[in-house]
Amino acid sequence: MLALVAGQDVEPGDQDGTWRIAPRTTPDRMVSVIDPESRHVHKTVHNYRDGFKAHVAVEPDTGLVTACDLTAGNVGDAQAAPGLLARETERLEILADSGYGSGEFRAALAAADHVVHIKPGPLRRSIEGGFSIDDFTIDLVARTATCPAGFTVPITPKRNATFGNRCNGCTLRDRCTRAVAGKALILHEHHALLAAARQHATTDEFKDAYTQHRPMVERTIAWIVTRHRKVRFRGIARNRIGLAHRCAAINLRRLVKLGLAHDGNHWMIAT
């Protein structure tokens, strides 16, 4: 195991028998011989820690945790999210931040007919201050893409749209692309859902729902992590149980705050 941890960061050198530090990160990189199941947890490009990641679903009006899970640190939020909703059988209103905004998760929510208020991630622009994909007119029915300058090209079966020599001499080129071969778009498999989400995020409906419900959810997350950011055990299985116990304790404390009482026959919440 020690050899695995050390060896995943090096590669053969230019000369026989030599080794050098690999200029890349090994997928699913093991970070500890003490706990082989822990992984890098990336919050941002420059902010990361090693260990595990807790995932929770919260009822936003009461702050009660409805589901929780714990995974290796390199598991994305949107990858874990379907498991948090697996036991839900009714149509829900789903709110989440941009970490849950993947096309795959949005497609699963759309298939289940849930109402979705998930913050979209920022668009990547090839030129700072230049055009993004939302500045292009994408017609998925006609399978065409039209650029801001008005040129229209077909979308290939692999979801590519290449403008090529149409960019030569274009007055908008310096805001669009620096590629010698001209602008090329690669559409996401769930482009329609992602584009609709970005549009929805500009509406008052989205802003009102997100602003109203986010504070209670953030408060619940704060209750869970306060003085409990470090796990007590090794491995995913034990720490998953530990997280479940923590969330259950938070729920019991919250229920008491909400007026949980027993009338001799039933539990009830004071109104």
Protein backbone atom coordinates (compact mmCIF):
# COMPACT_ATOMS: atom_id res chain seq x y z
CA MET A 1 0.00 0.00 0.00
CA LEU A 2 2.88 2.37 0.78
CA ALA A 3 4.32 1.60 -2.66
CA LEU A 4 0.94 2.37 -4.24
CA VAL A 5 0.63 5.74 -2.48
CA ALA A 6 4.18 6.72 -3.42
CA GLY A 7 4.07 5.26 -6.93
CA GLN A 8 0.89 7.03 -8.04
CA ASP A 9 2.72 10.37 -7.99
CA VAL A 10 5.68 9.39 -10.18
CA GLU A 11 6.31 8.13 -13.68
CA PRO A 12 9.31 6.75 -15.61
CA GLY A 13 11.91 9.40 -16.46
CA ASP A 14 13.61 10.14 -19.77
CA GLN A 15 16.46 7.79 -18.94
CA ASP A 16 16.22 4.10 -18.07
CA GLY A 17 15.89 3.43 -14.37
CA THR A 18 14.97 7.02 -13.47
CA TRP A 19 11.73 8.42 -12.13
CA ARG A 20 10.18 11.87 -12.00
CA ILE A 21 7.19 13.54 -10.38
CA ALA A 22 4.16 13.04 -12.63
CA PRO A 23 2.75 16.35 -13.97
CA ARG A 24 -0.83 15.18 -13.40
CA THR A 25 -3.09 13.78 -10.71
CA THR A 26 -3.96 10.10 -10.75
CA PRO A 27 -7.73 9.52 -10.96
CA ASP A 28 -9.18 8.37 -7.63
CA ARG A 29 -5.83 9.12 -6.01
CA MET A 30 -5.27 7.40 -2.65
CA VAL A 31 -4.11 9.95 -0.09
CA SER A 32 -3.49 7.90 3.07
CA VAL A 33 -2.13 4.54 4.13
CA ILE A 34 -3.95 4.98 7.45
CA ASP A 35 -7.37 5.28 5.82
CA PRO A 36 -7.23 4.01 2.20
CA GLU A 37 -10.86 5.04 1.55
CA SER A 38 -10.24 8.77 2.13
CA ARG A 39 -9.74 11.04 -0.87
CA HIS A 40 -9.04 14.68 -1.74
CA VAL A 41 -12.04 16.94 -1.07
CA HIS A 42 -11.89 19.92 -3.44
CA LYS A 43 -13.92 22.97 -2.42
CA THR A 44 -12.15 25.13 -4.98
CA VAL A 45 -9.04 24.73 -7.12
CA HIS A 46 -6.89 26.12 -4.30
CA ASN A 47 -8.92 24.93 -1.30
CA TYR A 48 -8.98 21.22 -0.54
CA ARG A 49 -8.61 18.81 2.32
CA ASP A 50 -8.31 15.05 2.64
CA GLY A 51 -11.05 12.76 3.92
CA PHE A 52 -14.74 12.27 3.28
CA LYS A 53 -17.74 14.29 2.21
CA ALA A 54 -21.10 14.44 4.00
CA HIS A 55 -24.27 14.86 1.93
CA VAL A 56 -27.62 15.84 3.45
CA ALA A 57 -31.15 16.60 2.30
CA VAL A 58 -33.01 19.10 4.48
CA GLU A 59 -36.68 20.07 4.74
CA PRO A 60 -36.28 23.86 4.43
CA ASP A 61 -39.23 25.01 6.55
CA THR A 62 -38.33 23.02 9.67
CA GLY A 63 -34.61 22.39 9.14
CA LEU A 64 -35.04 18.63 9.68
CA VAL A 65 -32.61 16.30 7.92
CA THR A 66 -34.60 13.94 5.71
CA ALA A 67 -31.66 11.91 4.35
CA CYS A 68 -27.90 11.75 4.71
CA ASP A 69 -24.95 9.95 3.21
CA LEU A 70 -21.17 9.94 3.48
CA THR A 71 -18.82 9.24 0.59
CA ALA A 72 -15.18 9.53 -0.31
CA GLY A 73 -14.12 13.15 -0.72
CA ASN A 74 -13.86 13.01 -4.50
CA VAL A 75 -17.53 12.07 -5.03
CA GLY A 76 -19.41 15.03 -6.49
CA ASP A 77 -22.53 16.47 -4.89
CA ALA A 78 -24.66 15.69 -7.94
CA GLN A 79 -23.41 12.08 -7.93
CA ALA A 80 -24.61 11.53 -4.36
CA ALA A 81 -27.85 13.51 -4.64
CA PRO A 82 -30.03 10.79 -6.28
CA GLY A 83 -29.42 8.54 -3.28
CA LEU A 84 -30.73 11.23 -0.94
CA LEU A 85 -34.02 11.29 -2.86
CA ALA A 86 -34.32 7.55 -3.46
CA ARG A 87 -37.07 7.05 -0.88
CA GLU A 88 -39.15 10.02 -1.97
CA THR A 89 -42.30 8.99 -3.82
CA GLU A 90 -44.12 12.33 -4.06
CA ARG A 91 -43.52 15.29 -6.35
CA LEU A 92 -41.08 17.62 -4.60
CA GLU A 93 -39.73 21.13 -4.90
CA ILE A 94 -35.95 20.70 -5.03
CA LEU A 95 -33.60 23.55 -4.10
CA ALA A 96 -29.83 23.26 -4.24
CA ASP A 97 -26.67 25.20 -5.02
CA SER A 98 -24.64 24.95 -8.21
CA GLY A 99 -22.76 21.85 -7.00
CA TYR A 100 -25.92 19.90 -7.78
CA GLY A 101 -26.51 21.52 -11.16
CA SER A 102 -25.18 18.77 -13.46
CA GLY A 103 -27.18 17.89 -16.54
CA GLU A 104 -27.45 14.27 -15.47
CA PHE A 105 -29.03 15.12 -12.11
CA ARG A 106 -31.37 17.66 -13.71
CA ALA A 107 -32.46 15.01 -16.20
CA ALA A 108 -33.23 12.57 -13.37
CA LEU A 109 -35.28 15.23 -11.56
CA ALA A 110 -37.16 16.11 -14.74
CA ALA A 111 -37.97 12.44 -15.31
CA ALA A 112 -39.41 12.29 -11.78
CA ASP A 113 -41.46 15.46 -12.47
CA HIS A 114 -39.96 17.41 -9.57
CA VAL A 115 -40.03 21.20 -9.43
CA VAL A 116 -36.40 22.31 -9.64
CA HIS A 117 -34.74 25.44 -8.25
CA ILE A 118 -31.04 24.57 -8.58
CA LYS A 119 -28.54 27.38 -9.03
CA PRO A 120 -26.70 26.95 -12.35
CA GLY A 121 -22.93 26.99 -12.44
CA PRO A 122 -21.06 29.89 -14.08
CA LEU A 123 -20.52 29.64 -17.81
CA ARG A 124 -17.01 29.23 -19.10
CA ARG A 125 -15.97 31.81 -21.66
CA SER A 126 -13.05 31.19 -24.00
CA ILE A 127 -12.28 34.93 -23.83
CA GLU A 128 -12.76 36.97 -20.67
CA GLY A 129 -15.72 39.29 -21.17
CA GLY A 130 -16.50 37.61 -24.48
CA PHE A 131 -19.36 35.50 -25.74
CA SER A 132 -20.68 32.40 -23.96
CA ILE A 133 -22.74 29.57 -25.40
CA ASP A 134 -25.90 31.44 -24.37
CA ASP A 135 -25.02 34.14 -26.92
CA PHE A 136 -25.42 31.52 -29.67
CA THR A 137 -28.85 30.48 -30.96
CA ILE A 138 -29.08 26.72 -30.59
CA ASP A 139 -31.94 24.99 -32.40
CA LEU A 140 -31.95 21.36 -31.30
CA VAL A 141 -34.95 20.53 -33.51
CA ALA A 142 -33.37 21.83 -36.70
CA ARG A 143 -29.95 20.85 -35.31
CA THR A 144 -28.33 24.18 -36.15
CA ALA A 145 -26.25 26.73 -34.25
CA THR A 146 -26.14 30.44 -35.12
CA CYS A 147 -23.33 32.66 -33.83
CA PRO A 148 -23.70 36.30 -32.71
CA ALA A 149 -22.49 37.41 -36.16
CA GLY A 150 -25.36 35.56 -37.83
CA PHE A 151 -23.54 32.55 -39.32
CA THR A 152 -25.47 29.26 -39.07
CA VAL A 153 -23.85 25.83 -39.10
CA PRO A 154 -25.22 22.30 -38.57
CA ILE A 155 -24.87 20.41 -35.30
CA THR A 156 -23.24 17.02 -35.88
CA PRO A 157 -24.49 13.74 -34.36
CA LYS A 158 -21.70 14.13 -31.78
CA ARG A 159 -23.16 17.53 -30.78
CA ASN A 160 -20.37 19.60 -32.36
CA ALA A 161 -20.90 22.87 -34.22
CA THR A 162 -17.85 24.15 -36.13
CA PHE A 163 -17.77 27.62 -37.69
CA GLY A 164 -14.30 27.24 -39.25
CA ASN A 165 -13.38 29.78 -41.93
CA ARG A 166 -16.57 31.75 -41.30
CA CYS A 167 -14.64 33.33 -38.43
CA ASN A 168 -12.01 34.75 -40.83
CA GLY A 169 -12.42 38.49 -40.99
CA CYS A 170 -15.39 38.47 -38.58
CA THR A 171 -15.61 41.74 -36.67
CA LEU A 172 -16.71 39.86 -33.53
CA ARG A 173 -13.90 37.31 -33.57
CA ASP A 174 -11.89 38.98 -30.78
CA ARG A 175 -14.87 38.47 -28.46
CA CYS A 176 -15.53 34.91 -29.58
CA THR A 177 -12.42 32.80 -30.11
CA ARG A 178 -8.63 32.79 -30.40
CA ALA A 179 -8.56 29.40 -32.13
CA VAL A 180 -6.75 29.49 -35.48
CA ALA A 181 -9.31 27.10 -36.95
CA GLY A 182 -12.24 29.24 -35.82
CA LYS A 183 -14.98 28.82 -33.23
CA ALA A 184 -16.12 25.32 -32.32
CA LEU A 185 -18.96 24.50 -29.92
CA ILE A 186 -19.38 21.21 -28.09
CA LEU A 187 -22.92 20.90 -26.78
CA HIS A 188 -23.63 19.09 -23.54
CA GLU A 189 -25.81 15.99 -23.75
CA HIS A 190 -28.39 17.85 -21.65
CA HIS A 191 -27.86 21.27 -23.22
CA ALA A 192 -31.59 22.11 -23.31
CA LEU A 193 -32.00 21.47 -19.58
CA LEU A 194 -28.89 23.46 -18.67
CA ALA A 195 -29.84 26.40 -20.88
CA ALA A 196 -33.38 26.43 -19.46
CA ALA A 197 -31.93 26.36 -15.92
CA ARG A 198 -29.75 29.39 -16.61
CA GLN A 199 -32.77 31.24 -17.94
CA HIS A 200 -34.93 30.17 -14.98
CA ALA A 201 -32.29 31.44 -12.55
CA THR A 202 -32.90 35.00 -13.79
CA THR A 203 -36.60 34.92 -12.86
CA ASP A 204 -38.19 36.30 -9.69
CA GLU A 205 -39.72 32.87 -9.05
CA PHE A 206 -36.28 31.31 -8.71
CA LYS A 207 -34.77 34.18 -6.74
CA ASP A 208 -37.68 34.31 -4.27
CA ALA A 209 -37.68 30.55 -3.61
CA TYR A 210 -33.90 30.35 -3.32
CA THR A 211 -33.66 33.36 -1.02
CA GLN A 212 -36.53 32.21 1.18
CA HIS A 213 -35.39 28.65 1.81
CA ARG A 214 -31.59 28.72 1.70
CA PRO A 215 -30.99 30.29 5.18
CA MET A 216 -32.70 27.43 7.07
CA VAL A 217 -30.78 24.82 5.11
CA GLU A 218 -27.46 26.56 5.75
CA ARG A 219 -28.35 26.73 9.44
CA THR A 220 -28.93 22.96 9.57
CA ILE A 221 -25.60 22.32 7.85
CA ALA A 222 -23.91 24.57 10.42
CA TRP A 223 -25.48 22.55 13.26
CA ILE A 224 -24.13 19.34 11.73
CA VAL A 225 -20.54 20.48 11.16
CA THR A 226 -19.97 22.67 14.23
CA ARG A 227 -17.16 20.95 16.19
CA HIS A 228 -17.71 17.86 14.00
CA ARG A 229 -15.71 18.55 10.85
CA LYS A 230 -13.32 15.71 11.68
CA VAL A 231 -14.48 12.10 11.47
CA ARG A 232 -14.03 9.76 14.41
CA PHE A 233 -13.42 6.50 12.56
CA ARG A 234 -11.62 4.98 9.61
CA GLY A 235 -13.45 4.03 6.45
CA ILE A 236 -16.73 5.04 4.83
CA ALA A 237 -19.03 2.50 6.50
CA ARG A 238 -18.29 3.49 10.12
CA ASN A 239 -18.28 7.20 9.42
CA ARG A 240 -21.54 6.90 7.49
CA ILE A 241 -23.15 5.48 10.63
CA GLY A 242 -21.57 8.26 12.68
CA LEU A 243 -23.06 10.90 10.38
CA ALA A 244 -26.50 9.27 10.60
CA HIS A 245 -26.32 9.38 14.40
CA ARG A 246 -25.26 13.02 14.29
CA CYS A 247 -28.16 13.94 11.98
CA ALA A 248 -30.63 12.00 14.17
CA ALA A 249 -29.44 13.92 17.23
CA ILE A 250 -29.80 17.23 15.38
CA ASN A 251 -33.33 16.26 14.36
CA LEU A 252 -34.32 15.35 17.94
CA ARG A 253 -32.98 18.64 19.23
CA ARG A 254 -34.79 20.51 16.46
CA LEU A 255 -38.07 18.69 17.18
CA VAL A 256 -37.87 19.73 20.81
CA LYS A 257 -37.33 23.34 19.72
CA LEU A 258 -40.40 23.04 17.48
CA GLY A 259 -42.49 21.95 20.45
CA LEU A 260 -42.38 18.16 20.35
CA ALA A 261 -44.64 16.79 23.09
CA HIS A 262 -46.45 13.61 24.08
CA ASP A 263 -50.11 13.65 25.12
CA GLY A 264 -49.99 10.21 26.70
CA ASN A 265 -50.87 8.44 23.46
CA HIS A 266 -49.17 10.21 20.57
CA TRP A 267 -46.22 12.43 19.74
CA MET A 268 -47.13 15.82 18.34
CA ILE A 269 -45.65 19.16 17.33
CA ALA A 270 -47.07 22.23 19.02
CA THR A 271 -48.60 24.70 16.57
